Amino acid sequence: MQVIHGFDTVEHAKAYLVSDLFKNDVFVRLEPTWSAEPEVRIYKVAG
């Protein structure tokens, strides 16, 4: 499974990963679909 989000800065993307919304809602709802630990990557697009 791949989940893609767009953020305006790398810092905002990192903050999302430690937010209550991510930890208590997104993470919890996706966890049953994992067959292994998730791999999280943050990419910065050159602009």
PDB file of N, CA and C in Angstrom:
ATOM      1  N   MET A   1       0.851  -1.165   0.000  1.00  0.00           N
ATOM      2  CA  MET A   1       0.000   0.000   0.000  1.00  0.00           C
ATOM      3  C   MET A   1       0.895   1.225   0.000  1.00  0.00           C
ATOM      4  N   GLN A   2       0.480   2.212  -0.756  1.00  0.00           N
ATOM      5  CA  GLN A   2       1.216   3.471  -0.794  1.00  0.00           C
ATOM      6  C   GLN A   2       0.234   4.587  -0.505  1.00  0.00           C
ATOM      7  N   VAL A   3       0.596   5.447   0.441  1.00  0.00           N
ATOM      8  CA  VAL A   3      -0.221   6.603   0.788  1.00  0.00           C
ATOM      9  C   VAL A   3       0.628   7.832   0.502  1.00  0.00           C
ATOM     10  N   ILE A   4       0.084   8.735  -0.271  1.00  0.00           N
ATOM     11  CA  ILE A   4       0.842   9.930  -0.656  1.00  0.00           C
ATOM     12  C   ILE A   4       0.122  11.166  -0.131  1.00  0.00           C
ATOM     13  N   HIS A   5       0.885  12.037   0.499  1.00  0.00           N
ATOM     14  CA  HIS A   5       0.375  13.323   0.978  1.00  0.00           C
ATOM     15  C   HIS A   5       1.275  14.412   0.416  1.00  0.00           C
ATOM     16  N   GLY A   6       0.763  15.594   0.280  1.00  0.00           N
ATOM     17  CA  GLY A   6       1.565  16.734  -0.155  1.00  0.00           C
ATOM     18  C   GLY A   6       1.628  17.776   0.951  1.00  0.00           C
ATOM     19  N   PHE A   7       2.809  18.263   1.222  1.00  0.00           N
ATOM     20  CA  PHE A   7       3.017  19.290   2.239  1.00  0.00           C
ATOM     21  C   PHE A   7       3.845  20.405   1.638  1.00  0.00           C
ATOM     22  N   ASP A   8       3.744  21.591   2.210  1.00  0.00           N
ATOM     23  CA  ASP A   8       4.489  22.721   1.661  1.00  0.00           C
ATOM     24  C   ASP A   8       5.942  22.772   2.121  1.00  0.00           C
ATOM     25  N   THR A   9       6.271  22.071   3.211  1.00  0.00           N
ATOM     26  CA  THR A   9       7.659  22.007   3.675  1.00  0.00           C
ATOM     27  C   THR A   9       7.947  20.622   4.247  1.00  0.00           C
ATOM     28  N   VAL A  10       9.220  20.273   4.284  1.00  0.00           N
ATOM     29  CA  VAL A  10       9.645  19.011   4.900  1.00  0.00           C
ATOM     30  C   VAL A  10       9.303  19.022   6.388  1.00  0.00           C
ATOM     31  N   GLU A  11       9.451  20.166   7.017  1.00  0.00           N
ATOM     32  CA  GLU A  11       9.155  20.283   8.445  1.00  0.00           C
ATOM     33  C   GLU A  11       7.682  19.970   8.729  1.00  0.00           C
ATOM     34  N   HIS A  12       6.786  20.426   7.857  1.00  0.00           N
ATOM     35  CA  HIS A  12       5.359  20.130   8.048  1.00  0.00           C
ATOM     36  C   HIS A  12       5.086  18.646   7.857  1.00  0.00           C
ATOM     37  N   ALA A  13       5.771  18.018   6.924  1.00  0.00           N
ATOM     38  CA  ALA A  13       5.613  16.574   6.717  1.00  0.00           C
ATOM     39  C   ALA A  13       6.073  15.810   7.956  1.00  0.00           C
ATOM     40  N   LYS A  14       7.202  16.196   8.513  1.00  0.00           N
ATOM     41  CA  LYS A  14       7.707  15.530   9.720  1.00  0.00           C
ATOM     42  C   LYS A  14       6.780  15.751  10.903  1.00  0.00           C
ATOM     43  N   ALA A  15       6.231  16.957  11.016  1.00  0.00           N
ATOM     44  CA  ALA A  15       5.313  17.264  12.113  1.00  0.00           C
ATOM     45  C   ALA A  15       4.049  16.412  12.006  1.00  0.00           C
ATOM     46  N   TYR A  16       3.582  16.170  10.795  1.00  0.00           N
ATOM     47  CA  TYR A  16       2.399  15.334  10.579  1.00  0.00           C
ATOM     48  C   TYR A  16       2.633  13.918  11.105  1.00  0.00           C
ATOM     49  N   LEU A  17       3.823  13.389  10.899  1.00  0.00           N
ATOM     50  CA  LEU A  17       4.119  12.015  11.325  1.00  0.00           C
ATOM     51  C   LEU A  17       4.097  11.839  12.835  1.00  0.00           C
ATOM     52  N   VAL A  18       4.246  12.912  13.589  1.00  0.00           N
ATOM     53  CA  VAL A  18       4.201  12.822  15.056  1.00  0.00           C
ATOM     54  C   VAL A  18       2.930  13.460  15.624  1.00  0.00           C
ATOM     55  N   SER A  19       2.014  13.866  14.735  1.00  0.00           N
ATOM     56  CA  SER A  19       0.779  14.517  15.173  1.00  0.00           C
ATOM     57  C   SER A  19      -0.201  13.500  15.762  1.00  0.00           C
ATOM     58  N   ASP A  20      -1.108  13.994  16.594  1.00  0.00           N
ATOM     59  CA  ASP A  20      -2.160  13.139  17.155  1.00  0.00           C
ATOM     60  C   ASP A  20      -3.028  12.555  16.047  1.00  0.00           C
ATOM     61  N   LEU A  21      -3.317  13.343  15.026  1.00  0.00           N
ATOM     62  CA  LEU A  21      -4.134  12.843  13.910  1.00  0.00           C
ATOM     63  C   LEU A  21      -3.493  11.619  13.280  1.00  0.00           C
ATOM     64  N   PHE A  22      -2.204  11.694  13.002  1.00  0.00           N
ATOM     65  CA  PHE A  22      -1.530  10.562  12.378  1.00  0.00           C
ATOM     66  C   PHE A  22      -1.435   9.379  13.329  1.00  0.00           C
ATOM     67  N   LYS A  23      -0.968   9.623  14.545  1.00  0.00           N
ATOM     68  CA  LYS A  23      -0.748   8.532  15.502  1.00  0.00           C
ATOM     69  C   LYS A  23      -2.040   7.864  15.956  1.00  0.00           C
ATOM     70  N   ASN A  24      -3.110   8.633  16.130  1.00  0.00           N
ATOM     71  CA  ASN A  24      -4.334   8.092  16.719  1.00  0.00           C
ATOM     72  C   ASN A  24      -5.417   7.746  15.706  1.00  0.00           C
ATOM     73  N   ASP A  25      -5.264   8.164  14.468  1.00  0.00           N
ATOM     74  CA  ASP A  25      -6.298   7.886  13.467  1.00  0.00           C
ATOM     75  C   ASP A  25      -5.708   7.175  12.252  1.00  0.00           C
ATOM     76  N   VAL A  26      -4.865   7.846  11.513  1.00  0.00           N
ATOM     77  CA  VAL A  26      -4.316   7.284  10.273  1.00  0.00           C
ATOM     78  C   VAL A  26      -3.529   6.010  10.559  1.00  0.00           C
ATOM     79  N   PHE A  27      -2.578   6.070  11.471  1.00  0.00           N
ATOM     80  CA  PHE A  27      -1.735   4.922  11.808  1.00  0.00           C
ATOM     81  C   PHE A  27      -2.576   3.740  12.269  1.00  0.00           C
ATOM     82  N   VAL A  28      -3.499   4.002  13.169  1.00  0.00           N
ATOM     83  CA  VAL A  28      -4.336   2.943  13.743  1.00  0.00           C
ATOM     84  C   VAL A  28      -5.199   2.269  12.674  1.00  0.00           C
ATOM     85  N   ARG A  29      -5.746   3.054  11.759  1.00  0.00           N
ATOM     86  CA  ARG A  29      -6.634   2.486  10.734  1.00  0.00           C
ATOM     87  C   ARG A  29      -5.864   1.722   9.653  1.00  0.00           C
ATOM     88  N   LEU A  30      -4.631   2.118   9.385  1.00  0.00           N
ATOM     89  CA  LEU A  30      -3.849   1.436   8.353  1.00  0.00           C
ATOM     90  C   LEU A  30      -3.105   0.213   8.886  1.00  0.00           C
ATOM     91  N   GLU A  31      -2.826   0.190  10.165  1.00  0.00           N
ATOM     92  CA  GLU A  31      -2.019  -0.886  10.761  1.00  0.00           C
ATOM     93  C   GLU A  31      -2.499  -2.298  10.414  1.00  0.00           C
ATOM     94  N   PRO A  32      -3.791  -2.579  10.404  1.00  0.00           N
ATOM     95  CA  PRO A  32      -4.227  -3.945  10.077  1.00  0.00           C
ATOM     96  C   PRO A  32      -3.875  -4.386   8.649  1.00  0.00           C
ATOM     97  N   THR A  33      -3.552  -3.464   7.782  1.00  0.00           N
ATOM     98  CA  THR A  33      -3.241  -3.823   6.395  1.00  0.00           C
ATOM     99  C   THR A  33      -1.763  -4.157   6.195  1.00  0.00           C
ATOM    100  N   TRP A  34      -0.932  -3.952   7.217  1.00  0.00           N
ATOM    101  CA  TRP A  34       0.511  -4.155   7.075  1.00  0.00           C
ATOM    102  C   TRP A  34       0.898  -5.613   7.277  1.00  0.00           C
ATOM    103  N   SER A  35       1.788  -6.075   6.435  1.00  0.00           N
ATOM    104  CA  SER A  35       2.364  -7.406   6.640  1.00  0.00           C
ATOM    105  C   SER A  35       3.763  -7.298   7.229  1.00  0.00           C
ATOM    106  N   ALA A  36       4.286  -6.065   7.306  1.00  0.00           N
ATOM    107  CA  ALA A  36       5.600  -5.781   7.895  1.00  0.00           C
ATOM    108  C   ALA A  36       5.575  -4.332   8.380  1.00  0.00           C
ATOM    109  N   GLU A  37       6.612  -3.941   9.081  1.00  0.00           N
ATOM    110  CA  GLU A  37       6.695  -2.554   9.543  1.00  0.00           C
ATOM    111  C   GLU A  37       6.682  -1.614   8.336  1.00  0.00           C
ATOM    112  N   PRO A  38       5.970  -0.501   8.444  1.00  0.00           N
ATOM    113  CA  PRO A  38       5.905   0.423   7.314  1.00  0.00           C
ATOM    114  C   PRO A  38       7.234   1.145   7.081  1.00  0.00           C
ATOM    115  N   GLU A  39       7.443   1.523   5.848  1.00  0.00           N
ATOM    116  CA  GLU A  39       8.611   2.307   5.473  1.00  0.00           C
ATOM    117  C   GLU A  39       8.103   3.698   5.104  1.00  0.00           C
ATOM    118  N   VAL A  40       8.525   4.698   5.854  1.00  0.00           N
ATOM    119  CA  VAL A  40       8.072   6.067   5.625  1.00  0.00           C
ATOM    120  C   VAL A  40       9.196   6.846   4.971  1.00  0.00           C
ATOM    121  N   ARG A  41       8.861   7.508   3.883  1.00  0.00           N
ATOM    122  CA  ARG A  41       9.850   8.329   3.183  1.00  0.00           C
ATOM    123  C   ARG A  41       9.275   9.716   2.959  1.00  0.00           C
ATOM    124  N   ILE A  42      10.145  10.696   3.083  1.00  0.00           N
ATOM    125  CA  ILE A  42       9.774  12.088   2.783  1.00  0.00           C
ATOM    126  C   ILE A  42      10.657  12.536   1.632  1.00  0.00           C
ATOM    127  N   TYR A  43      10.021  12.991   0.578  1.00  0.00           N
ATOM    128  CA  TYR A  43      10.747  13.484  -0.590  1.00  0.00           C
ATOM    129  C   TYR A  43      10.549  14.987  -0.707  1.00  0.00           C
ATOM    130  N   LYS A  44      11.591  15.668  -1.071  1.00  0.00           N
ATOM    131  CA  LYS A  44      11.507  17.110  -1.325  1.00  0.00           C
ATOM    132  C   LYS A  44      11.675  17.312  -2.824  1.00  0.00           C
ATOM    133  N   VAL A  45      10.716  18.006  -3.423  1.00  0.00           N
ATOM    134  CA  VAL A  45      10.776  18.276  -4.855  1.00  0.00           C
ATOM    135  C   VAL A  45      11.546  19.571  -5.082  1.00  0.00           C
ATOM    136  N   ALA A  46      12.537  19.511  -5.941  1.00  0.00           N
ATOM    137  CA  ALA A  46      13.309  20.720  -6.255  1.00  0.00           C
ATOM    138  C   ALA A  46      12.417  21.717  -6.965  1.00  0.00           C
ATOM    139  N   GLY A  47      12.557  22.957  -6.590  1.00  0.00           N
ATOM    140  CA  GLY A  47      11.653  23.932  -7.193  1.00  0.00           C
ATOM    141  C   GLY A  47      12.284  25.180  -7.569  1.00  0.00           C
TER     142      GLY A  47
END
